N, C-alpha and C. Protein backbone atom coordinates (compact mmCIF):
# COMPACT_ATOMS: atom_id res chain seq x y z
N MET A 1 119.40 75.62 125.10
CA MET A 1 119.18 76.99 125.50
C MET A 1 119.68 77.97 124.42
N ARG A 2 120.81 77.64 123.82
CA ARG A 2 121.35 78.51 122.76
C ARG A 2 120.39 78.57 121.57
N LYS A 3 119.76 77.42 121.27
CA LYS A 3 118.82 77.37 120.15
C LYS A 3 117.64 78.31 120.39
N VAL A 4 117.12 78.32 121.59
CA VAL A 4 115.97 79.16 121.94
C VAL A 4 116.35 80.64 121.81
N ILE A 5 117.52 81.00 122.33
CA ILE A 5 117.97 82.38 122.23
C ILE A 5 118.19 82.77 120.78
N PHE A 6 118.81 81.89 120.00
CA PHE A 6 119.05 82.18 118.58
C PHE A 6 117.74 82.37 117.82
N ILE A 7 116.79 81.46 118.02
CA ILE A 7 115.50 81.54 117.32
C ILE A 7 114.75 82.80 117.73
N THR A 8 114.74 83.12 119.01
CA THR A 8 114.06 84.33 119.48
C THR A 8 114.69 85.57 118.88
N THR A 9 116.00 85.63 118.86
CA THR A 9 116.71 86.77 118.27
C THR A 9 116.41 86.89 116.78
N ALA A 10 116.43 85.77 116.08
CA ALA A 10 116.15 85.78 114.65
C ALA A 10 114.72 86.26 114.37
N LEU A 11 113.77 85.80 115.15
CA LEU A 11 112.37 86.23 114.96
C LEU A 11 112.21 87.72 115.23
N LEU A 12 112.83 88.21 116.29
CA LEU A 12 112.74 89.64 116.60
C LEU A 12 113.38 90.49 115.50
N PHE A 13 114.52 90.03 114.97
CA PHE A 13 115.17 90.75 113.89
C PHE A 13 114.28 90.80 112.65
N CYS A 14 113.70 89.66 112.28
CA CYS A 14 112.83 89.61 111.10
C CYS A 14 111.62 90.51 111.27
N GLN A 15 111.05 90.49 112.45
CA GLN A 15 109.87 91.33 112.70
C GLN A 15 110.23 92.80 112.59
N ALA A 16 111.35 93.20 113.16
CA ALA A 16 111.76 94.60 113.12
C ALA A 16 112.16 95.03 111.72
N PHE A 17 112.76 94.14 110.97
CA PHE A 17 113.28 94.47 109.65
C PHE A 17 112.18 94.53 108.59
N PHE A 18 111.26 93.58 108.62
CA PHE A 18 110.27 93.46 107.56
C PHE A 18 108.92 94.10 107.85
N ALA A 19 108.57 94.26 109.09
CA ALA A 19 107.23 94.74 109.43
C ALA A 19 107.16 96.25 109.39
N GLN A 20 106.08 96.77 108.81
CA GLN A 20 105.77 98.18 108.87
C GLN A 20 104.76 98.38 109.98
N PRO A 21 104.72 99.53 110.60
CA PRO A 21 103.67 99.75 111.58
C PRO A 21 102.30 99.63 110.92
N VAL A 22 101.36 99.02 111.60
CA VAL A 22 100.03 98.78 111.05
C VAL A 22 99.35 100.10 110.69
N GLN A 23 99.48 101.11 111.52
CA GLN A 23 98.85 102.40 111.26
C GLN A 23 99.37 103.01 109.97
N GLU A 24 100.67 102.91 109.72
CA GLU A 24 101.25 103.47 108.50
C GLU A 24 100.71 102.77 107.27
N ARG A 25 100.62 101.44 107.31
CA ARG A 25 100.10 100.71 106.16
C ARG A 25 98.65 101.06 105.90
N THR A 26 97.83 101.02 106.92
CA THR A 26 96.40 101.23 106.70
C THR A 26 96.07 102.67 106.36
N GLU A 27 96.82 103.62 106.89
CA GLU A 27 96.53 105.03 106.59
C GLU A 27 96.72 105.33 105.11
N GLN A 28 97.81 104.87 104.52
CA GLN A 28 98.06 105.14 103.11
C GLN A 28 97.19 104.29 102.19
N ASP A 29 96.74 103.12 102.67
CA ASP A 29 95.89 102.25 101.87
C ASP A 29 94.40 102.58 102.03
N ALA A 30 94.08 103.53 102.90
CA ALA A 30 92.68 103.87 103.16
C ALA A 30 92.01 104.40 101.90
N THR A 31 90.73 104.09 101.78
CA THR A 31 89.95 104.61 100.67
C THR A 31 89.39 105.97 101.06
N VAL A 32 89.52 106.92 100.17
CA VAL A 32 88.96 108.26 100.37
C VAL A 32 88.19 108.65 99.12
N TYR A 33 87.47 109.74 99.21
CA TYR A 33 86.63 110.19 98.10
C TYR A 33 87.05 111.59 97.69
N ILE A 34 87.14 111.79 96.38
CA ILE A 34 87.48 113.12 95.86
C ILE A 34 86.46 113.52 94.81
N CYS A 35 86.29 114.82 94.69
CA CYS A 35 85.45 115.39 93.63
C CYS A 35 86.37 115.70 92.46
N THR A 36 85.94 115.41 91.25
CA THR A 36 86.78 115.65 90.07
C THR A 36 86.63 117.06 89.51
N GLY A 37 85.91 117.91 90.21
CA GLY A 37 85.74 119.29 89.77
C GLY A 37 87.05 120.05 89.80
N PRO A 38 87.19 121.08 88.95
CA PRO A 38 88.45 121.81 88.82
C PRO A 38 88.85 122.59 90.07
N SER A 39 87.92 122.96 90.93
CA SER A 39 88.27 123.73 92.12
C SER A 39 88.35 122.88 93.39
N SER A 40 88.21 121.58 93.26
CA SER A 40 88.23 120.68 94.41
C SER A 40 89.65 120.57 94.96
N LYS A 41 89.77 120.66 96.29
CA LYS A 41 91.10 120.64 96.92
C LYS A 41 91.23 119.63 98.05
N CYS A 42 90.15 118.93 98.39
CA CYS A 42 90.14 118.05 99.56
C CYS A 42 89.81 116.61 99.20
N TYR A 43 90.14 115.72 100.13
CA TYR A 43 89.63 114.35 100.07
C TYR A 43 88.78 114.12 101.31
N HIS A 44 87.87 113.17 101.21
CA HIS A 44 86.86 112.96 102.24
C HIS A 44 86.83 111.51 102.69
N LYS A 45 86.45 111.27 103.97
CA LYS A 45 86.33 109.92 104.51
C LYS A 45 85.16 109.17 103.89
N THR A 46 84.11 109.88 103.59
CA THR A 46 82.90 109.26 103.07
C THR A 46 82.31 110.09 101.95
N ASP A 47 81.58 109.44 101.07
CA ASP A 47 80.94 110.19 99.98
C ASP A 47 79.66 110.88 100.46
N LYS A 48 79.33 110.72 101.73
CA LYS A 48 78.16 111.39 102.32
C LYS A 48 78.53 112.68 103.05
N CYS A 49 79.78 113.08 103.03
CA CYS A 49 80.26 114.28 103.71
C CYS A 49 79.56 115.52 103.15
N LYS A 50 79.27 116.44 104.04
CA LYS A 50 78.63 117.69 103.64
C LYS A 50 79.50 118.47 102.65
N GLY A 51 80.83 118.40 102.83
CA GLY A 51 81.75 119.12 101.96
C GLY A 51 81.77 118.60 100.53
N ILE A 52 81.61 117.31 100.35
CA ILE A 52 81.65 116.74 98.99
C ILE A 52 80.26 116.76 98.35
N SER A 53 79.24 117.03 99.13
CA SER A 53 77.88 117.04 98.58
C SER A 53 77.68 118.17 97.57
N ARG A 54 78.55 119.17 97.61
CA ARG A 54 78.45 120.29 96.66
C ARG A 54 79.19 120.03 95.36
N CYS A 55 79.73 118.85 95.20
CA CYS A 55 80.51 118.51 94.00
C CYS A 55 79.62 118.56 92.77
N GLY A 56 80.05 119.31 91.78
CA GLY A 56 79.29 119.43 90.54
C GLY A 56 79.72 118.42 89.48
N LYS A 57 80.79 117.73 89.74
CA LYS A 57 81.31 116.71 88.82
C LYS A 57 81.15 115.34 89.44
N GLU A 58 81.99 114.41 89.03
CA GLU A 58 81.91 113.04 89.53
C GLU A 58 82.67 112.90 90.86
N ILE A 59 82.15 112.06 91.76
CA ILE A 59 82.84 111.72 93.00
C ILE A 59 83.51 110.36 92.77
N VAL A 60 84.82 110.31 93.03
CA VAL A 60 85.61 109.13 92.73
C VAL A 60 86.24 108.58 94.01
N GLU A 61 86.25 107.25 94.14
CA GLU A 61 86.89 106.56 95.26
C GLU A 61 88.33 106.27 94.88
N VAL A 62 89.29 106.73 95.70
CA VAL A 62 90.72 106.53 95.43
C VAL A 62 91.45 106.18 96.73
N LYS A 63 92.69 105.79 96.62
CA LYS A 63 93.54 105.56 97.80
C LYS A 63 94.03 106.90 98.33
N LYS A 64 94.21 106.97 99.64
CA LYS A 64 94.68 108.21 100.27
C LYS A 64 96.04 108.63 99.71
N SER A 65 96.89 107.66 99.45
CA SER A 65 98.22 107.98 98.91
C SER A 65 98.11 108.69 97.56
N TYR A 66 97.13 108.30 96.74
CA TYR A 66 96.93 108.96 95.45
C TYR A 66 96.41 110.39 95.67
N ALA A 67 95.45 110.54 96.58
CA ALA A 67 94.90 111.87 96.86
C ALA A 67 96.01 112.81 97.35
N ASP A 68 96.90 112.30 98.21
CA ASP A 68 98.03 113.10 98.68
C ASP A 68 98.95 113.47 97.52
N SER A 69 99.18 112.52 96.62
CA SER A 69 100.11 112.76 95.51
C SER A 69 99.62 113.81 94.52
N ILE A 70 98.31 114.02 94.44
CA ILE A 70 97.79 115.04 93.54
C ILE A 70 97.48 116.35 94.27
N GLY A 71 97.97 116.44 95.51
CA GLY A 71 97.88 117.70 96.24
C GLY A 71 96.60 117.94 97.04
N ARG A 72 95.81 116.91 97.23
CA ARG A 72 94.58 117.07 98.02
C ARG A 72 94.92 117.07 99.50
N LYS A 73 94.16 117.83 100.27
CA LYS A 73 94.30 117.90 101.73
C LYS A 73 93.08 117.27 102.37
N ALA A 74 93.19 116.89 103.63
CA ALA A 74 92.07 116.28 104.35
C ALA A 74 90.95 117.29 104.56
N CYS A 75 89.73 116.87 104.38
CA CYS A 75 88.56 117.71 104.61
C CYS A 75 88.47 118.03 106.11
N LYS A 76 88.26 119.28 106.43
CA LYS A 76 88.21 119.69 107.84
C LYS A 76 86.93 119.22 108.52
N MET A 77 85.90 118.90 107.76
CA MET A 77 84.67 118.38 108.35
C MET A 77 84.81 116.88 108.66
N CYS A 78 85.46 116.15 107.77
CA CYS A 78 85.64 114.70 107.95
C CYS A 78 86.71 114.37 108.96
N TYR A 79 87.81 115.10 108.94
CA TYR A 79 88.99 114.77 109.73
C TYR A 79 89.19 115.77 110.85
N LYS A 80 88.21 115.91 111.71
CA LYS A 80 88.34 116.79 112.88
C LYS A 80 89.28 116.13 113.87
N ASN A 81 90.20 116.89 114.42
CA ASN A 81 91.13 116.32 115.42
C ASN A 81 90.70 116.66 116.80
């Protein structure tokens, strides 16, 4: 009985210590699209978004964490709440 309790406790500790929430991992690892134009300020869920269709430069696929790090905000058309 002690072995079962010890193993269960050890597994719960490892899970709590090492695991990140799935939503947190996938949100930052998500692929988004940005326009490389000088006045572009948003990132988009898809390269078919109406907001990115006006891009006069190249459309680039990047990680959301990178888009956040360069100051891009979520497109209001793509990310309606």
